[in-house]
């Protein structure tokens, strides 16, 4: 039976039992709380947008799987619908999942304030260890895979792109299947201060190599100062491999 048919029958029965003025009062009571429903959906849309934005910052490429359970005070149903509803939380830099409290402020002519509490669950494909990784092992592609996992506030150091962790070194033993956090990893030093390095100089389609001495420690992709042994000149170069750096010579 449809909602409209049932509602019509309720009105018909009420006309028999109640005088007109009481029937009007009954009708007002049976009108669905559109203002509260609209406010609730507005808040859920706001939270969903925040979740998607934070997920994009983590590197998500697809829409986020999420679940929002919203708790609103009963008094909110008595407040008028709002066209200018401002939704905020005390720490907007914190990821919007877990249990979060929101402040509601209506800036219409009939202004009001309220609060809402949300329990937000989010799942993303995060990087996990595909096998057991020993302490000091350098991560390679065969050690990593992804698995759809529910995120937690305490585990915001997770990574969604396995390639971003390649070349990092495990600080401790990591069991197979464990979610990888950057807290478990450190960047491997490919160049140590005072060590000999091979400097590759590129200029257009020309490349030449010479020996040098590292003036700083260097990790993959980091730019460090190195001294050309032959000329004594100190240049800045990018670490490209173990004991190897590269610099680009730009002619004027």
Protein backbone atom coordinates (compact mmCIF):
# COMPACT_ATOMS: atom_id res chain seq x y z
CA UNK A 1 0.00 0.00 0.00
CA UNK A 2 1.37 3.40 -0.92
CA UNK A 3 2.06 6.18 1.58
CA UNK A 4 -0.54 8.44 -0.11
CA UNK A 5 -3.33 5.83 0.08
CA UNK A 6 -2.62 5.16 3.74
CA UNK A 7 -2.47 8.89 4.47
CA UNK A 8 -5.85 9.44 2.72
CA UNK A 9 -7.46 6.73 4.85
CA UNK A 10 -6.10 8.35 8.02
CA UNK A 11 -7.66 11.67 6.99
CA UNK A 12 -10.99 9.99 6.21
CA UNK A 13 -11.14 8.32 9.62
CA UNK A 14 -10.12 11.53 11.35
CA UNK A 15 -12.88 13.55 9.67
CA UNK A 16 -15.44 11.28 11.32
CA UNK A 17 -13.91 11.35 14.78
CA UNK A 18 -12.67 14.94 15.09
CA UNK A 19 -14.16 18.44 14.55
CA UNK A 20 -12.55 20.58 11.79
CA UNK A 21 -10.21 22.59 14.01
CA UNK A 22 -8.83 19.43 15.64
CA UNK A 23 -8.54 17.77 12.25
CA UNK A 24 -6.31 20.66 11.10
CA UNK A 25 -4.10 20.21 14.16
CA UNK A 26 -3.83 16.47 13.38
CA UNK A 27 -2.84 17.24 9.78
CA UNK A 28 0.00 19.48 10.92
CA UNK A 29 1.33 16.73 13.17
CA UNK A 30 1.38 14.18 10.34
CA UNK A 31 3.39 16.37 7.93
CA UNK A 32 6.90 14.84 7.63
CA UNK A 33 9.72 16.91 9.23
CA UNK A 34 11.14 18.15 5.92
CA UNK A 35 13.36 20.76 7.61
CA UNK A 36 15.11 18.17 9.78
CA UNK A 37 15.42 15.71 6.89
CA UNK A 38 16.92 18.42 4.67
CA UNK A 39 19.40 19.45 7.38
CA UNK A 40 20.45 15.85 7.94
CA UNK A 41 21.13 15.30 4.23
CA UNK A 42 23.01 18.59 4.03
CA UNK A 43 25.30 17.49 6.88
CA UNK A 44 25.89 14.06 5.32
CA UNK A 45 26.76 15.65 1.98
CA UNK A 46 29.22 17.96 3.73
CA UNK A 47 30.92 15.05 5.54
CA UNK A 48 31.04 12.95 2.37
CA UNK A 49 32.75 15.79 0.49
CA UNK A 50 35.31 16.19 3.28
CA UNK A 51 36.04 12.47 3.24
CA UNK A 52 36.61 12.49 -0.51
CA UNK A 53 38.91 15.51 -0.27
CA UNK A 54 41.08 13.91 2.41
CA UNK A 55 41.18 10.63 0.49
CA UNK A 56 42.41 12.49 -2.60
CA UNK A 57 45.20 14.00 -0.50
CA UNK A 58 46.22 10.46 0.48
CA UNK A 59 46.31 9.50 -3.20
CA UNK A 60 42.91 7.88 -3.78
CA UNK A 61 42.08 7.53 -7.47
CA UNK A 62 38.47 6.30 -7.21
CA UNK A 63 35.38 7.31 -5.16
CA UNK A 64 35.77 6.37 -1.52
CA UNK A 65 33.75 3.61 0.11
CA UNK A 66 32.24 5.27 3.18
CA UNK A 67 29.48 4.90 5.77
CA UNK A 68 28.05 7.81 7.75
CA UNK A 69 25.92 7.39 10.89
CA UNK A 70 24.57 10.76 12.00
CA UNK A 71 23.14 11.60 15.41
CA UNK A 72 21.09 14.80 15.69
CA UNK A 73 19.51 16.37 18.80
CA UNK A 74 15.72 16.03 19.01
CA UNK A 75 15.39 19.82 19.32
CA UNK A 76 16.71 20.21 15.77
CA UNK A 77 13.37 19.01 14.36
CA UNK A 78 11.69 22.07 15.85
CA UNK A 79 14.03 24.50 14.12
CA UNK A 80 13.05 26.07 10.76
CA UNK A 81 14.63 24.92 7.51
CA UNK A 82 17.91 26.72 6.79
CA UNK A 83 19.18 28.04 3.47
CA UNK A 84 22.54 29.20 4.87
CA UNK A 85 23.75 26.35 7.05
CA UNK A 86 27.42 26.52 8.10
CA UNK A 87 28.93 23.20 9.22
CA UNK A 88 32.29 23.13 11.01
CA UNK A 89 34.42 21.05 13.38
CA UNK A 90 37.08 22.00 15.90
CA UNK A 91 40.02 20.48 13.99
CA UNK A 92 39.43 20.71 10.22
CA UNK A 93 42.98 19.48 9.54
CA UNK A 94 42.20 16.11 11.09
CA UNK A 95 40.84 13.38 8.82
CA UNK A 96 37.00 13.35 9.03
CA UNK A 97 36.56 9.70 9.93
CA UNK A 98 35.99 8.02 13.24
CA UNK A 99 33.65 9.74 15.73
CA UNK A 100 33.48 13.48 15.08
CA UNK A 101 31.44 16.36 16.50
CA UNK A 102 30.13 19.12 14.22
CA UNK A 103 28.88 22.63 15.00
CA UNK A 104 25.82 23.80 13.05
CA UNK A 105 25.03 27.47 12.52
CA UNK A 106 22.08 28.76 10.51
CA UNK A 107 22.74 32.26 9.17
CA UNK A 108 19.24 32.91 7.85
CA UNK A 109 17.14 35.76 9.25
CA UNK A 110 15.79 33.28 11.81
CA UNK A 111 19.21 32.12 12.94
CA UNK A 112 19.91 29.15 15.19
CA UNK A 113 22.78 26.99 16.42
CA UNK A 114 23.03 23.30 17.15
CA UNK A 115 25.41 20.35 17.14
CA UNK A 116 25.64 16.96 15.45
CA UNK A 117 27.73 13.84 16.03
CA UNK A 118 28.84 11.55 13.22
CA UNK A 119 30.46 8.12 13.14
CA UNK A 120 32.24 7.92 9.80
CA UNK A 121 33.79 4.72 8.44
CA UNK A 122 36.06 4.83 5.39
CA UNK A 123 37.70 2.05 3.37
CA UNK A 124 40.61 2.56 0.96
CA UNK A 125 43.00 0.23 -0.91
CA UNK A 126 46.15 0.67 1.19
CA UNK A 127 49.60 -0.84 0.73
CA UNK A 128 50.28 -4.03 2.71
CA UNK A 129 53.23 -6.40 2.94
CA UNK A 130 52.72 -9.25 0.46
CA UNK A 131 55.28 -11.31 2.39
CA UNK A 132 57.23 -11.02 5.61
CA UNK A 133 59.77 -8.19 5.41
CA UNK A 134 62.89 -8.43 7.53
CA UNK A 135 64.49 -5.55 9.39
CA UNK A 136 66.78 -3.41 7.17
CA UNK A 137 65.38 -4.95 3.97
CA UNK A 138 64.93 -2.47 1.13
CA UNK A 139 61.40 -2.56 -0.29
CA UNK A 140 60.91 -3.87 -3.82
CA UNK A 141 57.73 -4.28 -5.89
CA UNK A 142 57.32 -8.01 -5.10
CA UNK A 143 57.06 -7.22 -1.36
CA UNK A 144 54.05 -4.94 -1.75
CA UNK A 145 50.37 -5.25 -2.65
CA UNK A 146 47.14 -3.38 -1.83
CA UNK A 147 44.06 -4.39 0.18
CA UNK A 148 40.77 -2.60 0.86
CA UNK A 149 41.08 -1.62 4.52
CA UNK A 150 39.11 0.48 6.97
CA UNK A 151 41.13 3.54 7.96
CA UNK A 152 41.67 4.68 11.52
CA UNK A 153 42.61 8.08 12.91
CA UNK A 154 45.71 6.52 14.49
CA UNK A 155 46.94 5.18 11.12
CA UNK A 156 47.16 8.22 8.88
CA UNK A 157 50.67 7.34 7.69
CA UNK A 158 49.33 4.69 5.33
CA UNK A 159 50.21 4.72 1.65
CA UNK A 160 47.93 3.98 -1.33
CA UNK A 161 50.64 3.82 -4.00
CA UNK A 162 53.17 0.96 -3.70
CA UNK A 163 55.62 2.77 -6.01
CA UNK A 164 55.97 5.58 -3.44
CA UNK A 165 57.55 3.13 -0.96
CA UNK A 166 60.05 1.47 -3.28
CA UNK A 167 63.62 1.88 -2.08
CA UNK A 168 62.65 2.58 1.54
CA UNK A 169 64.12 0.42 4.29
CA UNK A 170 62.24 -1.48 7.01
CA UNK A 171 63.02 -0.33 10.57
CA UNK A 172 61.81 -3.66 12.00
CA UNK A 173 60.34 -6.98 10.93
CA UNK A 174 56.95 -6.53 9.21
CA UNK A 175 54.60 -9.57 9.07
CA UNK A 176 52.92 -10.55 5.79
CA UNK A 177 49.56 -8.80 5.35
CA UNK A 178 50.33 -5.91 7.72
CA UNK A 179 49.36 -2.42 6.58
CA UNK A 180 52.53 -0.48 5.83
CA UNK A 181 53.02 2.86 7.53
CA UNK A 182 55.87 5.27 6.95
CA UNK A 183 56.48 4.98 10.69
CA UNK A 184 57.79 1.46 9.96
CA UNK A 185 60.14 2.66 7.23
CA UNK A 186 63.13 4.88 6.70
CA UNK A 187 64.85 6.19 3.61
CA UNK A 188 67.99 4.27 2.73
CA UNK A 189 71.16 6.34 2.45
CA UNK A 190 72.58 5.78 -1.03
CA UNK A 191 75.37 8.29 -0.51
CA UNK A 192 77.25 8.97 2.73
CA UNK A 193 79.06 12.19 3.54
CA UNK A 194 82.76 11.93 2.67
CA UNK A 195 82.30 8.95 0.36
CA UNK A 196 83.38 8.79 -3.28
CA UNK A 197 80.63 9.17 -5.88
CA UNK A 198 80.35 9.11 -9.64
CA UNK A 199 79.07 12.46 -10.94
CA UNK A 200 77.21 12.36 -14.25
CA UNK A 201 76.89 15.71 -16.00
CA UNK A 202 74.26 16.13 -18.71
CA UNK A 203 74.08 18.97 -21.21
CA UNK A 204 71.54 18.62 -24.02
CA UNK A 205 72.22 15.24 -25.64
CA UNK A 206 75.73 15.05 -24.22
CA UNK A 207 76.70 13.27 -20.97
CA UNK A 208 80.03 12.92 -19.18
CA UNK A 209 81.12 11.42 -15.88
CA UNK A 210 83.74 12.31 -13.32
CA UNK A 211 84.65 11.33 -9.78
CA UNK A 212 83.64 13.36 -6.77
CA UNK A 213 83.30 13.42 -2.99
CA UNK A 214 79.93 13.77 -1.24
CA UNK A 215 79.69 16.77 1.06
CA UNK A 216 76.39 15.51 2.57
CA UNK A 217 74.43 12.31 3.18
CA UNK A 218 71.92 11.61 0.40
CA UNK A 219 68.77 9.56 -0.15
CA UNK A 220 67.22 8.62 -3.48
CA UNK A 221 65.98 11.76 -5.29
CA UNK A 222 67.58 14.14 -2.79
CA UNK A 223 69.81 16.97 -3.99
CA UNK A 224 73.16 17.18 -2.19
CA UNK A 225 76.45 19.04 -2.57
CA UNK A 226 79.36 17.12 -4.12
CA UNK A 227 82.92 18.20 -4.93
CA UNK A 228 84.53 17.44 -8.27
CA UNK A 229 87.87 15.80 -7.41
CA UNK A 230 89.57 17.03 -10.59
CA UNK A 231 88.54 20.69 -10.46
CA UNK A 232 87.69 21.15 -6.78
CA UNK A 233 84.39 22.78 -7.80
CA UNK A 234 81.40 22.08 -5.54
CA UNK A 235 78.09 21.51 -7.33
CA UNK A 236 74.59 20.43 -6.36
CA UNK A 237 73.49 17.07 -7.78
CA UNK A 238 70.60 14.63 -7.43
CA UNK A 239 71.13 11.17 -5.93
CA UNK A 240 70.07 8.65 -8.59
CA UNK A 241 71.56 5.39 -7.29
CA UNK A 242 74.05 4.05 -4.77
CA UNK A 243 77.21 6.20 -4.94
CA UNK A 244 75.90 7.95 -8.06
CA UNK A 245 74.65 11.50 -8.54
CA UNK A 246 73.53 13.49 -11.56
CA UNK A 247 73.59 17.16 -12.40
CA UNK A 248 72.41 19.07 -15.45
CA UNK A 249 74.63 21.72 -16.97
CA UNK A 250 72.67 24.61 -18.46
CA UNK A 251 74.56 26.76 -20.94
CA UNK A 252 73.57 30.43 -21.34
